[in-house]
């Protein structure tokens, strides 16, 4: 938020919520990858469990994409052009 002088409180709250959701999704993703890895290394491979975990992972990835898309849209709507330039340039540099 340092890149946005006079940032609105609402935008700060949206960013904090987005970050919390991102952390939660990351933990869930890591857990699912671990589950899938363990299924693949198990003495007996269970295709139905593998399929279930893979579907959960795919759904989580879709949710993450939607979350990012909505965050970008909402942020863009709440900023003027110069603020958008600074904010999204800073985001691009941070990734």
PDB file of N, CA and C in Angstrom:
ATOM      1  N   UNK A   1       0.823  -1.197   0.000  1.00  0.00           N
ATOM      2  CA  UNK A   1       0.000   0.000   0.000  1.00  0.00           C
ATOM      3  C   UNK A   1       0.866   1.260   0.000  1.00  0.00           C
ATOM      4  N   UNK A   2       2.152   1.102   0.233  1.00  0.00           N
ATOM      5  CA  UNK A   2       3.039   2.266   0.243  1.00  0.00           C
ATOM      6  C   UNK A   2       3.094   2.938  -1.119  1.00  0.00           C
ATOM      7  N   UNK A   3       2.763   2.204  -2.160  1.00  0.00           N
ATOM      8  CA  UNK A   3       2.801   2.751  -3.512  1.00  0.00           C
ATOM      9  C   UNK A   3       1.576   3.605  -3.815  1.00  0.00           C
ATOM     10  N   UNK A   4       0.612   3.591  -2.927  1.00  0.00           N
ATOM     11  CA  UNK A   4      -0.618   4.346  -3.131  1.00  0.00           C
ATOM     12  C   UNK A   4      -0.778   5.410  -2.057  1.00  0.00           C
ATOM     13  N   UNK A   5      -0.305   6.608  -2.322  1.00  0.00           N
ATOM     14  CA  UNK A   5      -0.561   7.653  -1.332  1.00  0.00           C
ATOM     15  C   UNK A   5      -2.067   7.886  -1.245  1.00  0.00           C
ATOM     16  N   UNK A   6      -2.532   8.173  -0.069  1.00  0.00           N
ATOM     17  CA  UNK A   6      -3.950   8.432   0.170  1.00  0.00           C
ATOM     18  C   UNK A   6      -4.836   7.228  -0.184  1.00  0.00           C
ATOM     19  N   UNK A   7      -4.318   6.021   0.036  1.00  0.00           N
ATOM     20  CA  UNK A   7      -5.098   4.813  -0.259  1.00  0.00           C
ATOM     21  C   UNK A   7      -6.347   4.793   0.606  1.00  0.00           C
ATOM     22  N   UNK A   8      -7.406   4.330   0.028  1.00  0.00           N
ATOM     23  CA  UNK A   8      -8.684   4.299   0.736  1.00  0.00           C
ATOM     24  C   UNK A   8      -8.695   3.131   1.721  1.00  0.00           C
ATOM     25  N   UNK A   9      -9.331   3.326   2.839  1.00  0.00           N
ATOM     26  CA  UNK A   9      -9.429   2.282   3.860  1.00  0.00           C
ATOM     27  C   UNK A   9     -10.100   1.034   3.296  1.00  0.00           C
ATOM     28  N   UNK A  10     -11.088   1.224   2.475  1.00  0.00           N
ATOM     29  CA  UNK A  10     -11.800   0.088   1.885  1.00  0.00           C
ATOM     30  C   UNK A  10     -10.853  -0.761   1.037  1.00  0.00           C
ATOM     31  N   UNK A  11      -9.985  -0.119   0.287  1.00  0.00           N
ATOM     32  CA  UNK A  11      -9.022  -0.840  -0.531  1.00  0.00           C
ATOM     33  C   UNK A  11      -8.033  -1.601   0.347  1.00  0.00           C
ATOM     34  N   UNK A  12      -7.605  -0.995   1.428  1.00  0.00           N
ATOM     35  CA  UNK A  12      -6.708  -1.677   2.355  1.00  0.00           C
ATOM     36  C   UNK A  12      -7.373  -2.925   2.919  1.00  0.00           C
ATOM     37  N   UNK A  13      -8.640  -2.810   3.272  1.00  0.00           N
ATOM     38  CA  UNK A  13      -9.360  -3.959   3.819  1.00  0.00           C
ATOM     39  C   UNK A  13      -9.507  -5.053   2.773  1.00  0.00           C
ATOM     40  N   UNK A  14      -9.785  -4.665   1.527  1.00  0.00           N
ATOM     41  CA  UNK A  14      -9.893  -5.654   0.444  1.00  0.00           C
ATOM     42  C   UNK A  14      -8.563  -6.372   0.242  1.00  0.00           C
ATOM     43  N   UNK A  15      -7.478  -5.622   0.300  1.00  0.00           N
ATOM     44  CA  UNK A  15      -6.162  -6.218   0.130  1.00  0.00           C
ATOM     45  C   UNK A  15      -5.856  -7.186   1.270  1.00  0.00           C
ATOM     46  N   UNK A  16      -6.186  -6.804   2.493  1.00  0.00           N
ATOM     47  CA  UNK A  16      -5.957  -7.687   3.632  1.00  0.00           C
ATOM     48  C   UNK A  16      -6.789  -8.960   3.511  1.00  0.00           C
ATOM     49  N   UNK A  17      -8.044  -8.828   3.112  1.00  0.00           N
ATOM     50  CA  UNK A  17      -8.906  -9.988   2.929  1.00  0.00           C
ATOM     51  C   UNK A  17      -8.358 -10.893   1.824  1.00  0.00           C
ATOM     52  N   UNK A  18      -7.938 -10.269   0.729  1.00  0.00           N
ATOM     53  CA  UNK A  18      -7.360 -11.026  -0.375  1.00  0.00           C
ATOM     54  C   UNK A  18      -6.129 -11.803   0.097  1.00  0.00           C
ATOM     55  N   UNK A  19      -5.264 -11.146   0.854  1.00  0.00           N
ATOM     56  CA  UNK A  19      -4.056 -11.804   1.342  1.00  0.00           C
ATOM     57  C   UNK A  19      -4.395 -12.964   2.275  1.00  0.00           C
ATOM     58  N   UNK A  20      -5.388 -12.779   3.135  1.00  0.00           N
ATOM     59  CA  UNK A  20      -5.800 -13.860   4.038  1.00  0.00           C
ATOM     60  C   UNK A  20      -6.344 -15.050   3.249  1.00  0.00           C
ATOM     61  N   UNK A  21      -7.168 -14.759   2.254  1.00  0.00           N
ATOM     62  CA  UNK A  21      -7.719 -15.833   1.426  1.00  0.00           C
ATOM     63  C   UNK A  21      -6.612 -16.532   0.647  1.00  0.00           C
ATOM     64  N   UNK A  22      -5.643 -15.773   0.179  1.00  0.00           N
ATOM     65  CA  UNK A  22      -4.511 -16.333  -0.572  1.00  0.00           C
ATOM     66  C   UNK A  22      -3.690 -17.260   0.320  1.00  0.00           C
ATOM     67  N   UNK A  23      -3.466 -16.869   1.560  1.00  0.00           N
ATOM     68  CA  UNK A  23      -2.716 -17.711   2.501  1.00  0.00           C
ATOM     69  C   UNK A  23      -3.482 -19.003   2.776  1.00  0.00           C
ATOM     70  N   UNK A  24      -4.771 -18.882   3.006  1.00  0.00           N
ATOM     71  CA  UNK A  24      -5.604 -20.055   3.251  1.00  0.00           C
ATOM     72  C   UNK A  24      -5.583 -20.993   2.051  1.00  0.00           C
ATOM     73  N   UNK A  25      -5.749 -20.446   0.852  1.00  0.00           N
ATOM     74  CA  UNK A  25      -5.732 -21.268  -0.355  1.00  0.00           C
ATOM     75  C   UNK A  25      -4.382 -21.936  -0.553  1.00  0.00           C
ATOM     76  N   UNK A  26      -3.318 -21.218  -0.245  1.00  0.00           N
ATOM     77  CA  UNK A  26      -1.978 -21.785  -0.394  1.00  0.00           C
ATOM     78  C   UNK A  26      -1.792 -22.984   0.539  1.00  0.00           C
ATOM     79  N   UNK A  27      -2.253 -22.855   1.766  1.00  0.00           N
ATOM     80  CA  UNK A  27      -2.157 -23.960   2.723  1.00  0.00           C
ATOM     81  C   UNK A  27      -2.970 -25.160   2.256  1.00  0.00           C
ATOM     82  N   UNK A  28      -4.180 -24.900   1.760  1.00  0.00           N
ATOM     83  CA  UNK A  28      -5.017 -25.988   1.248  1.00  0.00           C
ATOM     84  C   UNK A  28      -4.360 -26.665   0.050  1.00  0.00           C
ATOM     85  N   UNK A  29      -3.771 -25.866  -0.825  1.00  0.00           N
ATOM     86  CA  UNK A  29      -3.106 -26.405  -2.013  1.00  0.00           C
ATOM     87  C   UNK A  29      -1.931 -27.291  -1.609  1.00  0.00           C
ATOM     88  N   UNK A  30      -1.118 -26.810  -0.687  1.00  0.00           N
ATOM     89  CA  UNK A  30       0.020 -27.611  -0.224  1.00  0.00           C
ATOM     90  C   UNK A  30      -0.444 -28.922   0.392  1.00  0.00           C
ATOM     91  N   UNK A  31      -1.524 -28.858   1.158  1.00  0.00           N
ATOM     92  CA  UNK A  31      -2.063 -30.056   1.794  1.00  0.00           C
ATOM     93  C   UNK A  31      -2.556 -31.048   0.729  1.00  0.00           C
ATOM     94  N   UNK A  32      -3.262 -30.537  -0.284  1.00  0.00           N
ATOM     95  CA  UNK A  32      -3.750 -31.423  -1.344  1.00  0.00           C
ATOM     96  C   UNK A  32      -2.604 -32.047  -2.134  1.00  0.00           C
ATOM     97  N   UNK A  33      -1.577 -31.260  -2.442  1.00  0.00           N
ATOM     98  CA  UNK A  33      -0.413 -31.817  -3.138  1.00  0.00           C
ATOM     99  C   UNK A  33       0.234 -32.915  -2.304  1.00  0.00           C
ATOM    100  N   UNK A  34       0.317 -32.694  -1.004  1.00  0.00           N
ATOM    101  CA  UNK A  34       0.884 -33.699  -0.114  1.00  0.00           C
ATOM    102  C   UNK A  34       0.032 -34.967  -0.119  1.00  0.00           C
ATOM    103  N   UNK A  35      -1.284 -34.806  -0.045  1.00  0.00           N
ATOM    104  CA  UNK A  35      -2.190 -35.954  -0.092  1.00  0.00           C
ATOM    105  C   UNK A  35      -2.018 -36.738  -1.398  1.00  0.00           C
ATOM    106  N   UNK A  36      -1.944 -36.021  -2.500  1.00  0.00           N
ATOM    107  CA  UNK A  36      -1.790 -36.666  -3.807  1.00  0.00           C
ATOM    108  C   UNK A  36      -0.459 -37.414  -3.871  1.00  0.00           C
ATOM    109  N   UNK A  37       0.593 -36.763  -3.411  1.00  0.00           N
ATOM    110  CA  UNK A  37       1.911 -37.392  -3.399  1.00  0.00           C
ATOM    111  C   UNK A  37       1.890 -38.673  -2.570  1.00  0.00           C
ATOM    112  N   UNK A  38       1.260 -38.620  -1.402  1.00  0.00           N
ATOM    113  CA  UNK A  38       1.174 -39.798  -0.541  1.00  0.00           C
ATOM    114  C   UNK A  38       0.356 -40.905  -1.193  1.00  0.00           C
ATOM    115  N   UNK A  39      -0.702 -40.534  -1.899  1.00  0.00           N
ATOM    116  CA  UNK A  39      -1.486 -41.541  -2.616  1.00  0.00           C
ATOM    117  C   UNK A  39      -0.648 -42.228  -3.687  1.00  0.00           C
ATOM    118  N   UNK A  40       0.167 -41.447  -4.374  1.00  0.00           N
ATOM    119  CA  UNK A  40       1.001 -42.010  -5.436  1.00  0.00           C
ATOM    120  C   UNK A  40       2.083 -42.935  -4.890  1.00  0.00           C
ATOM    121  N   UNK A  41       2.520 -42.681  -3.655  1.00  0.00           N
ATOM    122  CA  UNK A  41       3.574 -43.499  -3.052  1.00  0.00           C
ATOM    123  C   UNK A  41       3.048 -44.631  -2.171  1.00  0.00           C
ATOM    124  N   UNK A  42       1.748 -44.704  -2.007  1.00  0.00           N
ATOM    125  CA  UNK A  42       1.156 -45.731  -1.147  1.00  0.00           C
ATOM    126  C   UNK A  42       1.414 -47.127  -1.727  1.00  0.00           C
ATOM    127  N   UNK A  43       1.461 -48.130  -0.855  1.00  0.00           N
ATOM    128  CA  UNK A  43       1.672 -49.503  -1.341  1.00  0.00           C
ATOM    129  C   UNK A  43       0.616 -49.935  -2.365  1.00  0.00           C
ATOM    130  N   UNK A  44      -0.606 -49.487  -2.133  1.00  0.00           N
ATOM    131  CA  UNK A  44      -1.686 -49.788  -3.080  1.00  0.00           C
ATOM    132  C   UNK A  44      -2.272 -48.457  -3.552  1.00  0.00           C
ATOM    133  N   UNK A  45      -2.203 -48.242  -4.855  1.00  0.00           N
ATOM    134  CA  UNK A  45      -2.723 -47.005  -5.438  1.00  0.00           C
ATOM    135  C   UNK A  45      -4.247 -47.076  -5.511  1.00  0.00           C
ATOM    136  N   UNK A  46      -4.899 -46.001  -5.031  1.00  0.00           N
ATOM    137  CA  UNK A  46      -6.357 -45.941  -5.046  1.00  0.00           C
ATOM    138  C   UNK A  46      -6.792 -44.849  -6.022  1.00  0.00           C
ATOM    139  N   UNK A  47      -7.175 -45.255  -7.234  1.00  0.00           N
ATOM    140  CA  UNK A  47      -7.515 -44.269  -8.262  1.00  0.00           C
ATOM    141  C   UNK A  47      -8.682 -43.353  -7.884  1.00  0.00           C
ATOM    142  N   UNK A  48      -9.650 -43.865  -7.155  1.00  0.00           N
ATOM    143  CA  UNK A  48     -10.807 -43.030  -6.803  1.00  0.00           C
ATOM    144  C   UNK A  48     -10.397 -41.902  -5.854  1.00  0.00           C
ATOM    145  N   UNK A  49      -9.538 -42.201  -4.892  1.00  0.00           N
ATOM    146  CA  UNK A  49      -9.058 -41.151  -3.984  1.00  0.00           C
ATOM    147  C   UNK A  49      -8.186 -40.156  -4.728  1.00  0.00           C
ATOM    148  N   UNK A  50      -7.358 -40.666  -5.634  1.00  0.00           N
ATOM    149  CA  UNK A  50      -6.531 -39.781  -6.455  1.00  0.00           C
ATOM    150  C   UNK A  50      -7.402 -38.841  -7.274  1.00  0.00           C
ATOM    151  N   UNK A  51      -8.435 -39.372  -7.882  1.00  0.00           N
ATOM    152  CA  UNK A  51      -9.342 -38.552  -8.689  1.00  0.00           C
ATOM    153  C   UNK A  51     -10.036 -37.496  -7.823  1.00  0.00           C
ATOM    154  N   UNK A  52     -10.471 -37.899  -6.643  1.00  0.00           N
ATOM    155  CA  UNK A  52     -11.135 -36.966  -5.730  1.00  0.00           C
ATOM    156  C   UNK A  52     -10.210 -35.815  -5.333  1.00  0.00           C
ATOM    157  N   UNK A  53      -8.999 -36.137  -4.930  1.00  0.00           N
ATOM    158  CA  UNK A  53      -8.035 -35.103  -4.521  1.00  0.00           C
ATOM    159  C   UNK A  53      -7.648 -34.218  -5.703  1.00  0.00           C
ATOM    160  N   UNK A  54      -7.509 -34.806  -6.864  1.00  0.00           N
ATOM    161  CA  UNK A  54      -7.168 -34.032  -8.064  1.00  0.00           C
ATOM    162  C   UNK A  54      -8.280 -33.057  -8.419  1.00  0.00           C
ATOM    163  N   UNK A  55      -9.527 -33.501  -8.278  1.00  0.00           N
ATOM    164  CA  UNK A  55     -10.659 -32.611  -8.543  1.00  0.00           C
ATOM    165  C   UNK A  55     -10.710 -31.480  -7.525  1.00  0.00           C
ATOM    166  N   UNK A  56     -10.440 -31.785  -6.270  1.00  0.00           N
ATOM    167  CA  UNK A  56     -10.410 -30.747  -5.241  1.00  0.00           C
ATOM    168  C   UNK A  56      -9.323 -29.718  -5.547  1.00  0.00           C
ATOM    169  N   UNK A  57      -8.180 -30.191  -6.000  1.00  0.00           N
ATOM    170  CA  UNK A  57      -7.079 -29.290  -6.348  1.00  0.00           C
ATOM    171  C   UNK A  57      -7.464 -28.409  -7.537  1.00  0.00           C
ATOM    172  N   UNK A  58      -8.080 -28.992  -8.539  1.00  0.00           N
ATOM    173  CA  UNK A  58      -8.505 -28.218  -9.712  1.00  0.00           C
ATOM    174  C   UNK A  58      -9.538 -27.164  -9.316  1.00  0.00           C
ATOM    175  N   UNK A  59     -10.460 -27.526  -8.442  1.00  0.00           N
ATOM    176  CA  UNK A  59     -11.472 -26.578  -7.985  1.00  0.00           C
ATOM    177  C   UNK A  59     -10.822 -25.437  -7.200  1.00  0.00           C
ATOM    178  N   UNK A  60      -9.866 -25.760  -6.368  1.00  0.00           N
ATOM    179  CA  UNK A  60      -9.165 -24.741  -5.591  1.00  0.00           C
ATOM    180  C   UNK A  60      -8.417 -23.778  -6.513  1.00  0.00           C
ATOM    181  N   UNK A  61      -7.822 -24.296  -7.565  1.00  0.00           N
ATOM    182  CA  UNK A  61      -7.119 -23.442  -8.531  1.00  0.00           C
ATOM    183  C   UNK A  61      -8.102 -22.516  -9.249  1.00  0.00           C
ATOM    184  N   UNK A  62      -9.283 -23.040  -9.593  1.00  0.00           N
ATOM    185  CA  UNK A  62     -10.303 -22.188 -10.223  1.00  0.00           C
ATOM    186  C   UNK A  62     -10.752 -21.085  -9.267  1.00  0.00           C
ATOM    187  N   UNK A  63     -10.935 -21.434  -7.996  1.00  0.00           N
ATOM    188  CA  UNK A  63     -11.326 -20.439  -6.995  1.00  0.00           C
ATOM    189  C   UNK A  63     -10.250 -19.371  -6.845  1.00  0.00           C
ATOM    190  N   UNK A  64      -9.004 -19.783  -6.873  1.00  0.00           N
ATOM    191  CA  UNK A  64      -7.897 -18.838  -6.757  1.00  0.00           C
ATOM    192  C   UNK A  64      -7.891 -17.884  -7.944  1.00  0.00           C
ATOM    193  N   UNK A  65      -8.067 -18.413  -9.143  1.00  0.00           N
ATOM    194  CA  UNK A  65      -8.111 -17.565 -10.337  1.00  0.00           C
ATOM    195  C   UNK A  65      -9.256 -16.560 -10.256  1.00  0.00           C
ATOM    196  N   UNK A  66     -10.410 -17.020  -9.785  1.00  0.00           N
ATOM    197  CA  UNK A  66     -11.570 -16.137  -9.652  1.00  0.00           C
ATOM    198  C   UNK A  66     -11.309 -15.062  -8.592  1.00  0.00           C
ATOM    199  N   UNK A  67     -10.693 -15.451  -7.499  1.00  0.00           N
ATOM    200  CA  UNK A  67     -10.363 -14.512  -6.429  1.00  0.00           C
ATOM    201  C   UNK A  67      -9.434 -13.414  -6.942  1.00  0.00           C
ATOM    202  N   UNK A  68      -8.417 -13.802  -7.689  1.00  0.00           N
ATOM    203  CA  UNK A  68      -7.469 -12.829  -8.241  1.00  0.00           C
ATOM    204  C   UNK A  68      -8.174 -11.908  -9.223  1.00  0.00           C
ATOM    205  N   UNK A  69      -8.965 -12.484 -10.118  1.00  0.00           N
ATOM    206  CA  UNK A  69      -9.681 -11.694 -11.116  1.00  0.00           C
ATOM    207  C   UNK A  69     -10.599 -10.672 -10.451  1.00  0.00           C
ATOM    208  N   UNK A  70     -11.343 -11.102  -9.447  1.00  0.00           N
ATOM    209  CA  UNK A  70     -12.262 -10.189  -8.756  1.00  0.00           C
ATOM    210  C   UNK A  70     -11.517  -9.108  -7.981  1.00  0.00           C
ATOM    211  N   UNK A  71     -10.404  -9.480  -7.353  1.00  0.00           N
ATOM    212  CA  UNK A  71      -9.614  -8.489  -6.629  1.00  0.00           C
ATOM    213  C   UNK A  71      -9.099  -7.409  -7.574  1.00  0.00           C
ATOM    214  N   UNK A  72      -8.585  -7.827  -8.714  1.00  0.00           N
ATOM    215  CA  UNK A  72      -8.072  -6.860  -9.691  1.00  0.00           C
ATOM    216  C   UNK A  72      -9.190  -5.950 -10.175  1.00  0.00           C
ATOM    217  N   UNK A  73     -10.342  -6.523 -10.481  1.00  0.00           N
ATOM    218  CA  UNK A  73     -11.471  -5.732 -10.973  1.00  0.00           C
ATOM    219  C   UNK A  73     -11.938  -4.731  -9.923  1.00  0.00           C
ATOM    220  N   UNK A  74     -12.127  -5.185  -8.698  1.00  0.00           N
ATOM    221  CA  UNK A  74     -12.601  -4.300  -7.632  1.00  0.00           C
ATOM    222  C   UNK A  74     -11.588  -3.200  -7.333  1.00  0.00           C
ATOM    223  N   UNK A  75     -10.319  -3.563  -7.363  1.00  0.00           N
ATOM    224  CA  UNK A  75      -9.272  -2.568  -7.114  1.00  0.00           C
ATOM    225  C   UNK A  75      -9.261  -1.525  -8.218  1.00  0.00           C
ATOM    226  N   UNK A  76      -9.325  -1.978  -9.454  1.00  0.00           N
ATOM    227  CA  UNK A  76      -9.312  -1.054 -10.583  1.00  0.00           C
ATOM    228  C   UNK A  76     -10.501  -0.096 -10.536  1.00  0.00           C
ATOM    229  N   UNK A  77     -11.646  -0.581 -10.095  1.00  0.00           N
ATOM    230  CA  UNK A  77     -12.839   0.266 -10.007  1.00  0.00           C
ATOM    231  C   UNK A  77     -12.715   1.345  -8.926  1.00  0.00           C
ATOM    232  N   UNK A  78     -11.893   1.082  -7.922  1.00  0.00           N
ATOM    233  CA  UNK A  78     -11.819   2.020  -6.795  1.00  0.00           C
ATOM    234  C   UNK A  78     -10.674   3.035  -6.929  1.00  0.00           C
ATOM    235  N   UNK A  79      -9.913   2.968  -8.024  1.00  0.00           N
ATOM    236  CA  UNK A  79      -8.775   3.864  -8.193  1.00  0.00           C
ATOM    237  C   UNK A  79      -8.909   4.696  -9.459  1.00  0.00           C
ATOM    238  N   UNK A  80      -8.266   5.860  -9.444  1.00  0.00           N
ATOM    239  CA  UNK A  80      -8.212   6.627 -10.697  1.00  0.00           C
ATOM    240  C   UNK A  80      -7.061   6.071 -11.547  1.00  0.00           C
ATOM    241  N   UNK A  81      -6.899   6.600 -12.741  1.00  0.00           N
ATOM    242  CA  UNK A  81      -5.927   6.052 -13.681  1.00  0.00           C
ATOM    243  C   UNK A  81      -4.492   6.076 -13.140  1.00  0.00           C
ATOM    244  N   UNK A  82      -4.074   7.181 -12.563  1.00  0.00           N
ATOM    245  CA  UNK A  82      -2.711   7.281 -12.045  1.00  0.00           C
ATOM    246  C   UNK A  82      -2.480   6.306 -10.887  1.00  0.00           C
ATOM    247  N   UNK A  83      -3.463   6.178 -10.018  1.00  0.00           N
ATOM    248  CA  UNK A  83      -3.345   5.229  -8.908  1.00  0.00           C
ATOM    249  C   UNK A  83      -3.273   3.794  -9.432  1.00  0.00           C
ATOM    250  N   UNK A  84      -4.090   3.493 -10.450  1.00  0.00           N
ATOM    251  CA  UNK A  84      -4.053   2.155 -11.046  1.00  0.00           C
ATOM    252  C   UNK A  84      -2.670   1.867 -11.616  1.00  0.00           C
ATOM    253  N   UNK A  85      -2.097   2.833 -12.312  1.00  0.00           N
ATOM    254  CA  UNK A  85      -0.761   2.639 -12.891  1.00  0.00           C
ATOM    255  C   UNK A  85       0.254   2.319 -11.805  1.00  0.00           C
ATOM    256  N   UNK A  86       0.258   3.103 -10.741  1.00  0.00           N
ATOM    257  CA  UNK A  86       1.225   2.881  -9.669  1.00  0.00           C
ATOM    258  C   UNK A  86       0.987   1.555  -8.952  1.00  0.00           C
ATOM    259  N   UNK A  87      -0.257   1.295  -8.655  1.00  0.00           N
ATOM    260  CA  UNK A  87      -0.588   0.085  -7.907  1.00  0.00           C
ATOM    261  C   UNK A  87      -0.244  -1.178  -8.687  1.00  0.00           C
ATOM    262  N   UNK A  88      -0.684  -1.252  -9.930  1.00  0.00           N
ATOM    263  CA  UNK A  88      -0.464  -2.471 -10.701  1.00  0.00           C
ATOM    264  C   UNK A  88       0.976  -2.609 -11.164  1.00  0.00           C
ATOM    265  N   UNK A  89       1.665  -1.507 -11.333  1.00  0.00           N
ATOM    266  CA  UNK A  89       3.104  -1.570 -11.605  1.00  0.00           C
ATOM    267  C   UNK A  89       3.813  -2.156 -10.371  1.00  0.00           C
ATOM    268  N   UNK A  90       3.410  -1.717  -9.200  1.00  0.00           N
ATOM    269  CA  UNK A  90       4.008  -2.240  -7.957  1.00  0.00           C
ATOM    270  C   UNK A  90       3.695  -3.717  -7.788  1.00  0.00           C
ATOM    271  N   UNK A  91       2.469  -4.123  -8.120  1.00  0.00           N
ATOM    272  CA  UNK A  91       2.122  -5.539  -8.037  1.00  0.00           C
ATOM    273  C   UNK A  91       2.968  -6.370  -8.988  1.00  0.00           C
ATOM    274  N   UNK A  92       3.153  -5.871 -10.183  1.00  0.00           N
ATOM    275  CA  UNK A  92       3.942  -6.595 -11.185  1.00  0.00           C
ATOM    276  C   UNK A  92       5.384  -6.752 -10.705  1.00  0.00           C
ATOM    277  N   UNK A  93       5.925  -5.714 -10.088  1.00  0.00           N
ATOM    278  CA  UNK A  93       7.294  -5.785  -9.574  1.00  0.00           C
ATOM    279  C   UNK A  93       7.408  -6.735  -8.395  1.00  0.00           C
ATOM    280  N   UNK A  94       6.321  -6.852  -7.631  1.00  0.00           N
ATOM    281  CA  UNK A  94       6.348  -7.694  -6.434  1.00  0.00           C
ATOM    282  C   UNK A  94       6.245  -9.180  -6.774  1.00  0.00           C
ATOM    283  N   UNK A  95       5.778  -9.489  -7.959  1.00  0.00           N
ATOM    284  CA  UNK A  95       5.622 -10.914  -8.300  1.00  0.00           C
ATOM    285  C   UNK A  95       6.770 -11.440  -9.105  1.00  0.00           C
TER     286      UNK A  95
END
